[in-house]
């Protein structure tokens, strides 16, 4: 799996499912802020 991710330009990160969930929540929060500041609206 690591080799396939590397082939696609990705990196495997170690961690638990809970840590992954927190990462997704944190990244989503950041992107919501950026989209709001940029004034991007859905079509």
PDB file of N, CA and C in Angstrom:
ATOM      1  N   UNK A   1       0.822  -1.177   0.000  1.00  0.00           N
ATOM      2  CA  UNK A   1       0.000   0.000   0.000  1.00  0.00           C
ATOM      3  C   UNK A   1       0.877   1.256   0.000  1.00  0.00           C
ATOM      4  N   UNK A   2       1.927   1.243   0.824  1.00  0.00           N
ATOM      5  CA  UNK A   2       2.829   2.401   0.861  1.00  0.00           C
ATOM      6  C   UNK A   2       3.457   2.673  -0.497  1.00  0.00           C
ATOM      7  N   UNK A   3       3.849   1.608  -1.193  1.00  0.00           N
ATOM      8  CA  UNK A   3       4.469   1.772  -2.509  1.00  0.00           C
ATOM      9  C   UNK A   3       3.471   2.361  -3.502  1.00  0.00           C
ATOM     10  N   UNK A   4       2.227   1.918  -3.467  1.00  0.00           N
ATOM     11  CA  UNK A   4       1.200   2.439  -4.378  1.00  0.00           C
ATOM     12  C   UNK A   4       0.923   3.917  -4.082  1.00  0.00           C
ATOM     13  N   UNK A   5       0.831   4.266  -2.806  1.00  0.00           N
ATOM     14  CA  UNK A   5       0.646   5.672  -2.438  1.00  0.00           C
ATOM     15  C   UNK A   5       1.808   6.515  -2.935  1.00  0.00           C
ATOM     16  N   UNK A   6       3.019   6.015  -2.757  1.00  0.00           N
ATOM     17  CA  UNK A   6       4.207   6.734  -3.218  1.00  0.00           C
ATOM     18  C   UNK A   6       4.174   6.916  -4.729  1.00  0.00           C
ATOM     19  N   UNK A   7       3.732   5.896  -5.460  1.00  0.00           N
ATOM     20  CA  UNK A   7       3.608   5.997  -6.916  1.00  0.00           C
ATOM     21  C   UNK A   7       2.639   7.111  -7.315  1.00  0.00           C
ATOM     22  N   UNK A   8       1.630   7.329  -6.483  1.00  0.00           N
ATOM     23  CA  UNK A   8       0.623   8.358  -6.757  1.00  0.00           C
ATOM     24  C   UNK A   8       0.999   9.716  -6.167  1.00  0.00           C
ATOM     25  N   UNK A   9       2.173   9.778  -5.526  1.00  0.00           N
ATOM     26  CA  UNK A   9       2.627  11.039  -4.938  1.00  0.00           C
ATOM     27  C   UNK A   9       2.153  11.261  -3.518  1.00  0.00           C
ATOM     28  N   UNK A  10       1.630  10.236  -2.886  1.00  0.00           N
ATOM     29  CA  UNK A  10       1.124  10.348  -1.520  1.00  0.00           C
ATOM     30  C   UNK A  10       2.105   9.803  -0.505  1.00  0.00           C
ATOM     31  N   UNK A  11       1.787  10.038   0.751  1.00  0.00           N
ATOM     32  CA  UNK A  11       2.603   9.543   1.854  1.00  0.00           C
ATOM     33  C   UNK A  11       1.662   8.936   2.897  1.00  0.00           C
ATOM     34  N   UNK A  12       1.977   7.732   3.348  1.00  0.00           N
ATOM     35  CA  UNK A  12       1.197   7.090   4.401  1.00  0.00           C
ATOM     36  C   UNK A  12       1.566   7.714   5.740  1.00  0.00           C
ATOM     37  N   UNK A  13       0.548   8.104   6.487  1.00  0.00           N
ATOM     38  CA  UNK A  13       0.778   8.675   7.816  1.00  0.00           C
ATOM     39  C   UNK A  13       0.342   7.669   8.870  1.00  0.00           C
ATOM     40  N   UNK A  14       1.181   7.438   9.877  1.00  0.00           N
ATOM     41  CA  UNK A  14       0.781   6.515  10.934  1.00  0.00           C
ATOM     42  C   UNK A  14      -0.253   7.174  11.844  1.00  0.00           C
ATOM     43  N   UNK A  15      -1.080   6.366  12.468  1.00  0.00           N
ATOM     44  CA  UNK A  15      -2.035   6.907  13.429  1.00  0.00           C
ATOM     45  C   UNK A  15      -3.259   6.026  13.547  1.00  0.00           C
ATOM     46  N   UNK A  16      -4.056   6.366  14.530  1.00  0.00           N
ATOM     47  CA  UNK A  16      -5.270   5.606  14.800  1.00  0.00           C
ATOM     48  C   UNK A  16      -6.434   6.164  13.981  1.00  0.00           C
ATOM     49  N   UNK A  17      -7.520   5.424  13.906  1.00  0.00           N
ATOM     50  CA  UNK A  17      -8.706   5.950  13.232  1.00  0.00           C
ATOM     51  C   UNK A  17      -9.194   7.263  13.861  1.00  0.00           C
ATOM     52  N   UNK A  18      -9.094   7.377  15.171  1.00  0.00           N
ATOM     53  CA  UNK A  18      -9.512   8.611  15.843  1.00  0.00           C
ATOM     54  C   UNK A  18      -8.628   9.784  15.431  1.00  0.00           C
ATOM     55  N   UNK A  19      -7.329   9.538  15.314  1.00  0.00           N
ATOM     56  CA  UNK A  19      -6.412  10.600  14.875  1.00  0.00           C
ATOM     57  C   UNK A  19      -6.707  11.008  13.432  1.00  0.00           C
ATOM     58  N   UNK A  20      -7.042  10.040  12.608  1.00  0.00           N
ATOM     59  CA  UNK A  20      -7.386  10.337  11.218  1.00  0.00           C
ATOM     60  C   UNK A  20      -8.658  11.185  11.163  1.00  0.00           C
ATOM     61  N   UNK A  21      -9.643  10.828  11.974  1.00  0.00           N
ATOM     62  CA  UNK A  21     -10.880  11.606  12.045  1.00  0.00           C
ATOM     63  C   UNK A  21     -10.622  13.039  12.458  1.00  0.00           C
ATOM     64  N   UNK A  22      -9.728  13.229  13.424  1.00  0.00           N
ATOM     65  CA  UNK A  22      -9.386  14.576  13.882  1.00  0.00           C
ATOM     66  C   UNK A  22      -8.674  15.344  12.775  1.00  0.00           C
ATOM     67  N   UNK A  23      -7.782  14.686  12.051  1.00  0.00           N
ATOM     68  CA  UNK A  23      -7.081  15.321  10.934  1.00  0.00           C
ATOM     69  C   UNK A  23      -8.090  15.811   9.895  1.00  0.00           C
ATOM     70  N   UNK A  24      -9.050  14.963   9.533  1.00  0.00           N
ATOM     71  CA  UNK A  24     -10.057  15.340   8.542  1.00  0.00           C
ATOM     72  C   UNK A  24     -10.890  16.513   9.055  1.00  0.00           C
ATOM     73  N   UNK A  25     -11.301  16.473  10.311  1.00  0.00           N
ATOM     74  CA  UNK A  25     -12.097  17.565  10.881  1.00  0.00           C
ATOM     75  C   UNK A  25     -11.307  18.867  10.893  1.00  0.00           C
ATOM     76  N   UNK A  26     -10.045  18.811  11.283  1.00  0.00           N
ATOM     77  CA  UNK A  26      -9.208  20.012  11.327  1.00  0.00           C
ATOM     78  C   UNK A  26      -8.994  20.591   9.934  1.00  0.00           C
ATOM     79  N   UNK A  27      -8.718  19.736   8.959  1.00  0.00           N
ATOM     80  CA  UNK A  27      -8.499  20.199   7.589  1.00  0.00           C
ATOM     81  C   UNK A  27      -9.787  20.783   6.992  1.00  0.00           C
ATOM     82  N   UNK A  28     -10.909  20.162   7.300  1.00  0.00           N
ATOM     83  CA  UNK A  28     -12.189  20.678   6.810  1.00  0.00           C
ATOM     84  C   UNK A  28     -12.447  22.069   7.377  1.00  0.00           C
ATOM     85  N   UNK A  29     -12.193  22.251   8.657  1.00  0.00           N
ATOM     86  CA  UNK A  29     -12.381  23.553   9.301  1.00  0.00           C
ATOM     87  C   UNK A  29     -11.510  24.623   8.628  1.00  0.00           C
ATOM     88  N   UNK A  30     -10.255  24.283   8.359  1.00  0.00           N
ATOM     89  CA  UNK A  30      -9.352  25.236   7.697  1.00  0.00           C
ATOM     90  C   UNK A  30      -9.875  25.632   6.328  1.00  0.00           C
ATOM     91  N   UNK A  31     -10.315  24.645   5.560  1.00  0.00           N
ATOM     92  CA  UNK A  31     -10.774  24.923   4.197  1.00  0.00           C
ATOM     93  C   UNK A  31     -12.066  25.729   4.189  1.00  0.00           C
ATOM     94  N   UNK A  32     -12.954  25.482   5.140  1.00  0.00           N
ATOM     95  CA  UNK A  32     -14.181  26.273   5.259  1.00  0.00           C
ATOM     96  C   UNK A  32     -13.827  27.735   5.495  1.00  0.00           C
ATOM     97  N   UNK A  33     -12.844  27.995   6.343  1.00  0.00           N
ATOM     98  CA  UNK A  33     -12.415  29.375   6.607  1.00  0.00           C
ATOM     99  C   UNK A  33     -11.838  30.026   5.357  1.00  0.00           C
ATOM    100  N   UNK A  34     -10.989  29.313   4.650  1.00  0.00           N
ATOM    101  CA  UNK A  34     -10.364  29.856   3.438  1.00  0.00           C
ATOM    102  C   UNK A  34     -11.423  30.159   2.388  1.00  0.00           C
ATOM    103  N   UNK A  35     -12.359  29.236   2.200  1.00  0.00           N
ATOM    104  CA  UNK A  35     -13.421  29.438   1.209  1.00  0.00           C
ATOM    105  C   UNK A  35     -14.262  30.647   1.591  1.00  0.00           C
ATOM    106  N   UNK A  36     -14.558  30.793   2.870  1.00  0.00           N
ATOM    107  CA  UNK A  36     -15.341  31.942   3.323  1.00  0.00           C
ATOM    108  C   UNK A  36     -14.588  33.255   3.116  1.00  0.00           C
ATOM    109  N   UNK A  37     -13.323  33.277   3.455  1.00  0.00           N
ATOM    110  CA  UNK A  37     -12.521  34.488   3.274  1.00  0.00           C
ATOM    111  C   UNK A  37     -12.360  34.853   1.809  1.00  0.00           C
ATOM    112  N   UNK A  38     -12.301  33.847   0.940  1.00  0.00           N
ATOM    113  CA  UNK A  38     -12.147  34.087  -0.490  1.00  0.00           C
ATOM    114  C   UNK A  38     -13.467  34.476  -1.143  1.00  0.00           C
ATOM    115  N   UNK A  39     -14.567  34.290  -0.426  1.00  0.00           N
ATOM    116  CA  UNK A  39     -15.873  34.630  -0.984  1.00  0.00           C
ATOM    117  C   UNK A  39     -16.338  33.675  -2.060  1.00  0.00           C
ATOM    118  N   UNK A  40     -15.858  32.440  -2.017  1.00  0.00           N
ATOM    119  CA  UNK A  40     -16.239  31.452  -3.020  1.00  0.00           C
ATOM    120  C   UNK A  40     -17.645  30.949  -2.719  1.00  0.00           C
ATOM    121  N   UNK A  41     -18.474  30.950  -3.747  1.00  0.00           N
ATOM    122  CA  UNK A  41     -19.856  30.496  -3.613  1.00  0.00           C
ATOM    123  C   UNK A  41     -20.096  29.315  -4.555  1.00  0.00           C
ATOM    124  N   UNK A  42     -20.959  28.379  -4.156  1.00  0.00           N
ATOM    125  CA  UNK A  42     -21.276  27.264  -5.058  1.00  0.00           C
ATOM    126  C   UNK A  42     -22.066  27.764  -6.257  1.00  0.00           C
ATOM    127  N   UNK A  43     -21.947  27.074  -7.374  1.00  0.00           N
ATOM    128  CA  UNK A  43     -22.684  27.457  -8.595  1.00  0.00           C
ATOM    129  C   UNK A  43     -24.139  27.111  -8.476  1.00  0.00           C
TER     130      UNK A  43
END
